[in-house]
Amino acid sequence: MSEDKPRKRRGAGRVTLNTVARQAGVSAITVSRYFNQPEQVSPERRERIAAVVAELGYVPNLVAGGLASARGKIVGMVIPNISGPIFANTIQGFSDTLSRHGYQLLLASSYFSAEQEESAVRAFLGWSPAALVLTSHFHSAGTEKMIAEADIPVIETWDYQPEREPLQIGFSHFEVGVTAARYLRGKGYRRIAFVQNSAPGDLSALERRDGYAATVRELGLEPWVFAPDADRAPFEAGKQAMEALMSASPRPDAIIFANDNLAAGGLLAGQRAGLKIPEDCAVLGFGDYPFAEMLLPSLSTIKPPALEIGVLAATRVLESLGVLPVEDEVQRLNLLECHVIERESA
């Protein structure tokens, strides 16, 4: 009959901050600063501590360090669609910039729902983050009240409404619509249509539509807007729009799609129906998704400053927290530009 072996207590043998400090030849306070205020630790000591942390597999105990200080190193961000490619560079640029200064990103998706955004904002604020970053200026009344009363920096990205209280990092969607319409008219097109996003909550796309409509009227043309079925998958929505518009008489000679996914669906559907693009109908998207230049014909589109938005938003957060020095006002660029990427489809 074998004897029972003594059980190992859970947590026994856990690598502690003091263990890291002894092995790295520094004080426990220095190790704590390495995690919480890395800029206050010399590069040589940071390198030694990092090597020991990696060797021992040390994980800092945030609860032992105090929840308030742990949460104070987190920045909450709400994005309309995490799975979509259009926001990927913003998230990456934001996260990379934060992490270089010891802050981490906590991310939530609203999928263009004001109610889901409000729920995420309430949850984030309950964790006392260092700052909060939202997308656009379209919020529920509940979200507006929470951000107005928040005692932390709040930044709105992918938009530019300078009259609002939260700091704005982005561009005017209305002006994107203006740019799209003027670009196509400059190429000689006269029957220019606009296809809305099939996600009903994408109100920024409706601002691009409004910019387009105002501009074609100024140019003496008639706006032509098509709204796909709500919540239809983007490629399917683009296909639906192309088939409907091409069955009209007369039909448009150019189409602006609310995003590149819709544009790709429309472009492929047009080719399947025997259309030559852009000879029979030009196609212009928005987003400059990675696949845009690989389509045949390659997709002309409007490129938003996605990466720059992420980097600048994180920089403004760190400035607001006193981690980075505030730039001279002349250098504080918050209004960014979108650019037409001219390819083969328009």
Protein backbone atom coordinates (compact mmCIF):
# COMPACT_ATOMS: atom_id res chain seq x y z
CA MET A 1 0.00 0.00 0.00
CA SER A 2 1.59 3.21 -1.13
CA GLU A 3 1.80 6.21 1.09
CA ASP A 4 0.00 9.37 0.08
CA LYS A 5 2.42 12.03 -1.08
CA PRO A 6 2.00 15.49 0.43
CA ARG A 7 0.11 17.76 -1.91
CA LYS A 8 1.82 20.84 -3.21
CA ARG A 9 0.02 23.93 -1.98
CA ARG A 10 -1.43 26.07 -4.74
CA GLY A 11 0.79 29.09 -5.09
CA ALA A 12 3.76 27.41 -3.46
CA GLY A 13 6.92 28.18 -5.36
CA ARG A 14 5.38 31.22 -7.09
CA VAL A 15 8.03 33.54 -8.43
CA THR A 16 7.75 36.84 -6.57
CA LEU A 17 8.80 40.37 -7.33
CA ASN A 18 11.54 40.02 -4.69
CA THR A 19 12.85 36.90 -6.47
CA VAL A 20 13.14 38.87 -9.72
CA ALA A 21 14.83 41.74 -7.91
CA ARG A 22 17.46 39.50 -6.26
CA GLN A 23 18.29 37.68 -9.50
CA ALA A 24 18.48 40.92 -11.49
CA GLY A 25 20.61 42.61 -8.84
CA VAL A 26 18.22 45.51 -8.31
CA SER A 27 15.77 46.62 -5.64
CA ALA A 28 12.15 45.49 -5.51
CA ILE A 29 11.12 49.13 -6.07
CA THR A 30 13.08 49.16 -9.34
CA VAL A 31 11.27 46.02 -10.54
CA SER A 32 7.95 47.61 -9.62
CA ARG A 33 8.88 50.72 -11.60
CA TYR A 34 9.88 48.50 -14.54
CA PHE A 35 6.26 47.36 -14.80
CA ASN A 36 4.49 50.57 -13.82
CA GLN A 37 6.81 53.41 -14.88
CA PRO A 38 9.36 51.87 -17.27
CA GLU A 39 10.56 55.27 -18.43
CA GLN A 40 12.02 55.81 -14.94
CA VAL A 41 14.26 52.72 -15.18
CA SER A 42 17.57 52.91 -17.04
CA PRO A 43 17.81 50.93 -20.32
CA GLU A 44 20.55 48.72 -18.85
CA ARG A 45 18.43 47.78 -15.82
CA ARG A 46 15.34 47.28 -17.98
CA GLU A 47 17.28 44.82 -20.10
CA ARG A 48 18.46 42.87 -17.04
CA ILE A 49 15.00 42.77 -15.49
CA ALA A 50 13.40 41.72 -18.78
CA ALA A 51 15.85 38.82 -19.09
CA VAL A 52 15.08 37.60 -15.56
CA VAL A 53 11.32 37.99 -16.07
CA ALA A 54 11.55 35.89 -19.24
CA GLU A 55 13.77 33.27 -17.59
CA LEU A 56 11.57 32.85 -14.51
CA GLY A 57 8.23 33.28 -16.28
CA TYR A 58 7.28 35.95 -13.78
CA VAL A 59 3.75 37.39 -13.92
CA PRO A 60 3.16 40.51 -11.77
CA ASN A 61 0.40 40.09 -9.21
CA LEU A 62 -1.80 43.08 -10.00
CA VAL A 63 -4.19 42.39 -7.14
CA ALA A 64 -1.35 42.46 -4.62
CA GLY A 65 -0.17 45.73 -6.15
CA GLY A 66 -3.60 47.30 -5.68
CA LEU A 67 -6.48 47.17 -8.15
CA ALA A 68 -6.57 50.94 -8.56
CA SER A 69 -3.00 51.11 -9.82
CA ALA A 70 -3.50 48.02 -11.99
CA ARG A 71 -6.58 49.42 -13.67
CA GLY A 72 -4.86 52.78 -14.03
CA LYS A 73 -2.56 51.28 -16.66
CA ILE A 74 -5.46 50.23 -18.90
CA VAL A 75 -7.07 52.27 -21.68
CA GLY A 76 -10.50 51.22 -22.93
CA MET A 77 -11.35 51.46 -26.62
CA VAL A 78 -14.69 50.75 -28.34
CA ILE A 79 -14.53 49.94 -32.06
CA PRO A 80 -17.57 49.33 -34.32
CA ASN A 81 -16.18 46.12 -35.80
CA ILE A 82 -13.10 44.29 -34.52
CA SER A 83 -13.24 41.66 -37.27
CA GLY A 84 -13.29 44.20 -40.11
CA PRO A 85 -10.01 45.18 -41.79
CA ILE A 86 -10.76 48.89 -41.80
CA PHE A 87 -9.99 49.37 -38.08
CA ALA A 88 -7.09 46.90 -37.82
CA ASN A 89 -4.31 49.44 -38.32
CA THR A 90 -5.91 51.86 -35.87
CA ILE A 91 -6.01 49.18 -33.17
CA GLN A 92 -2.43 48.10 -33.88
CA GLY A 93 -1.02 51.64 -33.92
CA PHE A 94 -2.89 52.53 -30.74
CA SER A 95 -1.83 49.38 -28.88
CA ASP A 96 1.82 49.58 -29.97
CA THR A 97 2.12 53.21 -28.87
CA LEU A 98 0.51 52.55 -25.49
CA SER A 99 2.57 49.44 -24.73
CA ARG A 100 5.86 51.27 -25.22
CA HIS A 101 4.92 53.30 -22.13
CA GLY A 102 3.59 50.49 -19.96
CA TYR A 103 -0.12 50.88 -20.80
CA GLN A 104 -2.37 48.16 -22.20
CA LEU A 105 -5.42 48.25 -24.45
CA LEU A 106 -8.79 46.84 -23.39
CA LEU A 107 -10.92 46.46 -26.52
CA ALA A 108 -14.66 46.06 -27.14
CA SER A 109 -16.79 45.94 -30.28
CA SER A 110 -20.17 47.62 -30.68
CA TYR A 111 -20.83 46.49 -34.27
CA PHE A 112 -22.41 49.87 -35.02
CA SER A 113 -24.88 49.49 -32.12
CA ALA A 114 -25.31 52.50 -29.81
CA GLU A 115 -26.73 50.19 -27.15
CA GLN A 116 -23.75 47.83 -27.27
CA GLU A 117 -21.39 50.79 -27.17
CA GLU A 118 -23.16 52.17 -24.09
CA SER A 119 -22.86 48.79 -22.36
CA ALA A 120 -19.12 48.63 -23.14
CA VAL A 121 -18.52 52.20 -21.93
CA ARG A 122 -20.34 51.49 -18.66
CA ALA A 123 -18.29 48.33 -18.10
CA PHE A 124 -15.01 50.09 -18.92
CA LEU A 125 -15.69 53.03 -16.61
CA GLY A 126 -16.50 50.58 -13.84
CA TRP A 127 -12.90 49.36 -14.08
CA SER A 128 -11.52 52.90 -13.66
CA PRO A 129 -9.39 52.95 -16.83
CA ALA A 130 -6.75 55.61 -17.41
CA ALA A 131 -8.61 56.88 -20.49
CA LEU A 132 -11.45 56.00 -22.86
CA VAL A 133 -11.36 56.06 -26.68
CA LEU A 134 -14.54 55.88 -28.80
CA THR A 135 -15.29 55.83 -32.52
CA SER A 136 -17.22 58.69 -34.15
CA HIS A 137 -19.60 61.10 -32.43
CA PHE A 138 -22.77 59.02 -32.70
CA HIS A 139 -23.62 57.87 -29.17
CA SER A 140 -26.70 57.10 -27.11
CA ALA A 141 -27.90 59.63 -24.54
CA GLY A 142 -26.59 57.33 -21.83
CA THR A 143 -23.11 57.24 -23.34
CA GLU A 144 -23.08 61.02 -23.77
CA LYS A 145 -23.92 61.46 -20.09
CA MET A 146 -21.23 59.02 -18.96
CA ILE A 147 -18.45 60.58 -21.03
CA ALA A 148 -19.50 64.08 -19.95
CA GLU A 149 -19.15 63.08 -16.30
CA ALA A 150 -16.03 60.91 -16.69
CA ASP A 151 -13.02 62.21 -14.79
CA ILE A 152 -10.60 60.65 -17.29
CA PRO A 153 -9.47 61.69 -20.79
CA VAL A 154 -12.05 60.80 -23.47
CA ILE A 155 -11.08 60.84 -27.15
CA GLU A 156 -13.25 60.29 -30.23
CA THR A 157 -11.55 58.81 -33.29
CA TRP A 158 -12.40 58.30 -36.96
CA ASP A 159 -14.24 61.60 -36.92
CA TYR A 160 -13.69 65.32 -36.64
CA GLN A 161 -16.30 67.41 -34.87
CA PRO A 162 -14.22 70.17 -33.23
CA GLU A 163 -17.25 71.69 -31.49
CA ARG A 164 -17.59 68.58 -29.30
CA GLU A 165 -15.95 68.36 -25.90
CA PRO A 166 -14.02 65.07 -26.39
CA LEU A 167 -10.78 65.55 -28.30
CA GLN A 168 -11.22 64.58 -31.96
CA ILE A 169 -8.68 62.51 -33.91
CA GLY A 170 -9.75 61.83 -37.47
CA PHE A 171 -11.39 63.33 -40.54
CA SER A 172 -14.71 64.56 -41.91
CA HIS A 173 -16.82 61.79 -43.44
CA PHE A 174 -18.90 64.44 -45.19
CA GLU A 175 -15.73 65.64 -46.95
CA VAL A 176 -14.95 62.07 -48.00
CA GLY A 177 -18.28 62.03 -49.84
CA VAL A 178 -17.40 65.37 -51.43
CA THR A 179 -14.01 64.04 -52.55
CA ALA A 180 -15.52 60.87 -54.03
CA ALA A 181 -18.14 62.75 -56.05
CA ARG A 182 -15.68 65.34 -57.34
CA TYR A 183 -13.16 62.67 -58.29
CA LEU A 184 -15.65 60.72 -60.40
CA ARG A 185 -17.12 63.85 -62.01
CA GLY A 186 -13.58 64.92 -62.85
CA LYS A 187 -13.14 61.62 -64.69
CA GLY A 188 -16.16 62.46 -66.85
CA TYR A 189 -18.89 60.43 -65.14
CA ARG A 190 -22.34 62.01 -64.85
CA ARG A 191 -24.74 59.35 -63.51
CA ILE A 192 -23.05 58.71 -60.19
CA ALA A 193 -24.77 56.47 -57.63
CA PHE A 194 -24.00 55.88 -53.94
CA VAL A 195 -24.52 52.54 -52.17
CA GLN A 196 -25.08 52.69 -48.41
CA ASN A 197 -23.71 50.17 -45.93
CA SER A 198 -26.00 47.28 -45.09
CA ALA A 199 -25.14 47.73 -41.38
CA PRO A 200 -27.96 50.09 -40.25
CA GLY A 201 -25.92 51.67 -37.45
CA ASP A 202 -23.06 52.85 -39.68
CA LEU A 203 -24.04 56.51 -39.44
CA SER A 204 -20.61 57.71 -40.56
CA ALA A 205 -21.30 56.11 -43.96
CA LEU A 206 -24.49 58.18 -44.12
CA GLU A 207 -22.38 61.31 -43.61
CA ARG A 208 -20.29 60.26 -46.62
CA ARG A 209 -23.56 59.78 -48.52
CA ASP A 210 -24.67 63.29 -47.55
CA GLY A 211 -21.37 64.77 -48.74
CA TYR A 212 -21.77 62.96 -52.05
CA ALA A 213 -25.39 64.10 -52.46
CA ALA A 214 -24.63 67.75 -51.71
CA THR A 215 -21.74 67.75 -54.16
CA VAL A 216 -23.50 66.15 -57.12
CA ARG A 217 -26.30 68.69 -56.67
CA GLU A 218 -23.73 71.51 -56.76
CA LEU A 219 -22.40 69.99 -59.97
CA GLY A 220 -25.86 70.07 -61.54
CA LEU A 221 -26.43 66.31 -61.24
CA GLU A 222 -29.06 64.24 -59.43
CA PRO A 223 -28.16 62.14 -56.37
CA TRP A 224 -28.86 58.42 -56.78
CA VAL A 225 -28.78 56.44 -53.52
CA PHE A 226 -29.30 52.71 -53.14
CA ALA A 227 -29.82 51.10 -49.73
CA PRO A 228 -29.18 47.32 -49.61
CA ASP A 229 -31.25 45.10 -47.35
CA ALA A 230 -30.39 45.74 -43.70
CA ASP A 231 -27.88 43.37 -42.13
CA ARG A 232 -27.12 41.64 -45.42
CA ALA A 233 -23.50 40.40 -45.56
CA PRO A 234 -21.29 43.05 -47.24
CA PHE A 235 -20.35 41.08 -50.39
CA GLU A 236 -23.98 40.05 -50.84
CA ALA A 237 -25.12 43.64 -50.28
CA GLY A 238 -22.69 44.85 -52.94
CA LYS A 239 -23.97 42.21 -55.34
CA GLN A 240 -27.58 43.20 -54.65
CA ALA A 241 -26.77 46.86 -55.28
CA MET A 242 -24.93 46.22 -58.56
CA GLU A 243 -27.70 44.00 -59.92
CA ALA A 244 -30.40 46.52 -58.98
CA LEU A 245 -28.55 49.54 -60.36
CA MET A 246 -27.55 47.81 -63.58
CA SER A 247 -31.19 46.89 -64.24
CA ALA A 248 -32.19 50.56 -64.18
CA SER A 249 -32.68 52.56 -67.37
CA PRO A 250 -30.63 54.57 -67.80
CA ARG A 251 -28.16 52.95 -65.43
CA PRO A 252 -25.36 54.69 -63.56
CA ASP A 253 -21.97 55.05 -65.19
CA ALA A 254 -20.17 55.16 -61.81
CA ILE A 255 -20.95 53.84 -58.32
CA ILE A 256 -19.52 54.91 -54.96
CA PHE A 257 -19.78 52.11 -52.39
CA ALA A 258 -19.80 52.83 -48.66
CA ASN A 259 -16.83 50.50 -48.14
CA ASP A 260 -14.47 48.20 -50.02
CA ASN A 261 -16.31 45.01 -49.05
CA LEU A 262 -19.46 46.31 -50.71
CA ALA A 263 -17.44 47.54 -53.69
CA ALA A 264 -15.78 44.15 -54.15
CA GLY A 265 -19.15 42.40 -54.07
CA GLY A 266 -20.48 44.84 -56.64
CA LEU A 267 -17.42 44.61 -58.87
CA LEU A 268 -17.46 40.80 -58.94
CA ALA A 269 -21.22 40.71 -59.55
CA GLY A 270 -20.83 43.14 -62.44
CA GLN A 271 -18.14 41.00 -64.04
CA ARG A 272 -20.27 37.89 -63.60
CA ALA A 273 -23.05 39.70 -65.49
CA GLY A 274 -20.68 40.51 -68.36
CA LEU A 275 -19.98 44.17 -67.50
CA LYS A 276 -16.63 45.74 -68.32
CA ILE A 277 -15.32 47.80 -65.43
CA PRO A 278 -14.75 50.75 -65.63
CA GLU A 279 -15.89 51.04 -69.28
CA ASP A 280 -19.52 50.13 -68.53
CA CYS A 281 -19.53 51.31 -64.93
CA ALA A 282 -16.78 52.67 -62.69
CA VAL A 283 -16.51 51.44 -59.11
CA LEU A 284 -15.07 53.40 -56.17
CA GLY A 285 -14.76 52.08 -52.61
CA PHE A 286 -13.72 53.36 -49.19
CA GLY A 287 -11.17 51.86 -46.83
CA ASP A 288 -8.31 50.61 -49.03
CA TYR A 289 -8.63 47.08 -47.66
CA PRO A 290 -5.68 44.74 -48.30
CA PHE A 291 -7.48 42.93 -51.13
CA ALA A 292 -8.30 46.13 -53.05
CA GLU A 293 -5.18 46.16 -55.20
CA MET A 294 -5.41 42.40 -55.84
CA LEU A 295 -8.82 42.47 -57.49
CA LEU A 296 -9.00 42.38 -61.27
CA PRO A 297 -9.48 45.14 -62.15
CA SER A 298 -7.84 46.58 -59.04
CA LEU A 299 -10.20 48.63 -56.90
CA SER A 300 -9.99 52.41 -56.84
CA THR A 301 -10.82 53.59 -53.34
CA ILE A 302 -10.43 56.30 -50.74
CA LYS A 303 -7.80 55.53 -48.11
CA PRO A 304 -8.47 56.71 -44.54
CA PRO A 305 -5.50 57.46 -42.23
CA ALA A 306 -6.19 54.40 -40.06
CA LEU A 307 -2.70 53.87 -38.65
CA GLU A 308 -2.12 57.57 -38.03
CA ILE A 309 -5.40 57.78 -36.10
CA GLY A 310 -4.29 54.99 -33.77
CA VAL A 311 -0.83 56.42 -33.15
CA LEU A 312 -2.11 59.97 -32.62
CA ALA A 313 -4.95 58.88 -30.34
CA ALA A 314 -2.54 56.96 -28.11
CA THR A 315 -0.13 59.91 -28.13
CA ARG A 316 -2.88 62.31 -27.03
CA VAL A 317 -3.91 59.89 -24.28
CA LEU A 318 -0.34 59.68 -22.98
CA GLU A 319 -0.01 63.47 -23.14
CA SER A 320 -3.24 63.87 -21.17
CA LEU A 321 -1.90 61.50 -18.51
CA GLY A 322 1.40 63.36 -18.25
CA VAL A 323 3.39 60.41 -19.58
CA LEU A 324 4.50 62.34 -22.68
CA PRO A 325 5.20 66.07 -22.91
CA VAL A 326 2.48 68.03 -24.67
CA GLU A 327 3.54 69.03 -28.16
CA ASP A 328 3.62 72.63 -29.25
CA GLU A 329 0.14 73.67 -30.39
CA VAL A 330 1.43 74.26 -33.93
CA GLN A 331 2.44 70.59 -34.08
CA ARG A 332 -0.78 69.19 -32.59
CA LEU A 333 -2.25 67.62 -35.72
CA ASN A 334 -5.67 66.12 -35.01
CA LEU A 335 -7.46 66.70 -38.35
CA LEU A 336 -6.14 64.13 -40.82
CA GLU A 337 -6.73 63.63 -44.54
CA CYS A 338 -8.11 60.83 -46.67
CA HIS A 339 -6.65 60.22 -50.13
CA VAL A 340 -8.02 58.80 -53.36
CA ILE A 341 -6.08 55.68 -54.39
CA GLU A 342 -6.50 55.59 -58.15
CA ARG A 343 -6.41 52.09 -59.59
CA GLU A 344 -8.18 50.39 -62.50
CA SER A 345 -11.85 50.34 -61.50
CA ALA A 346 -12.44 54.10 -61.68
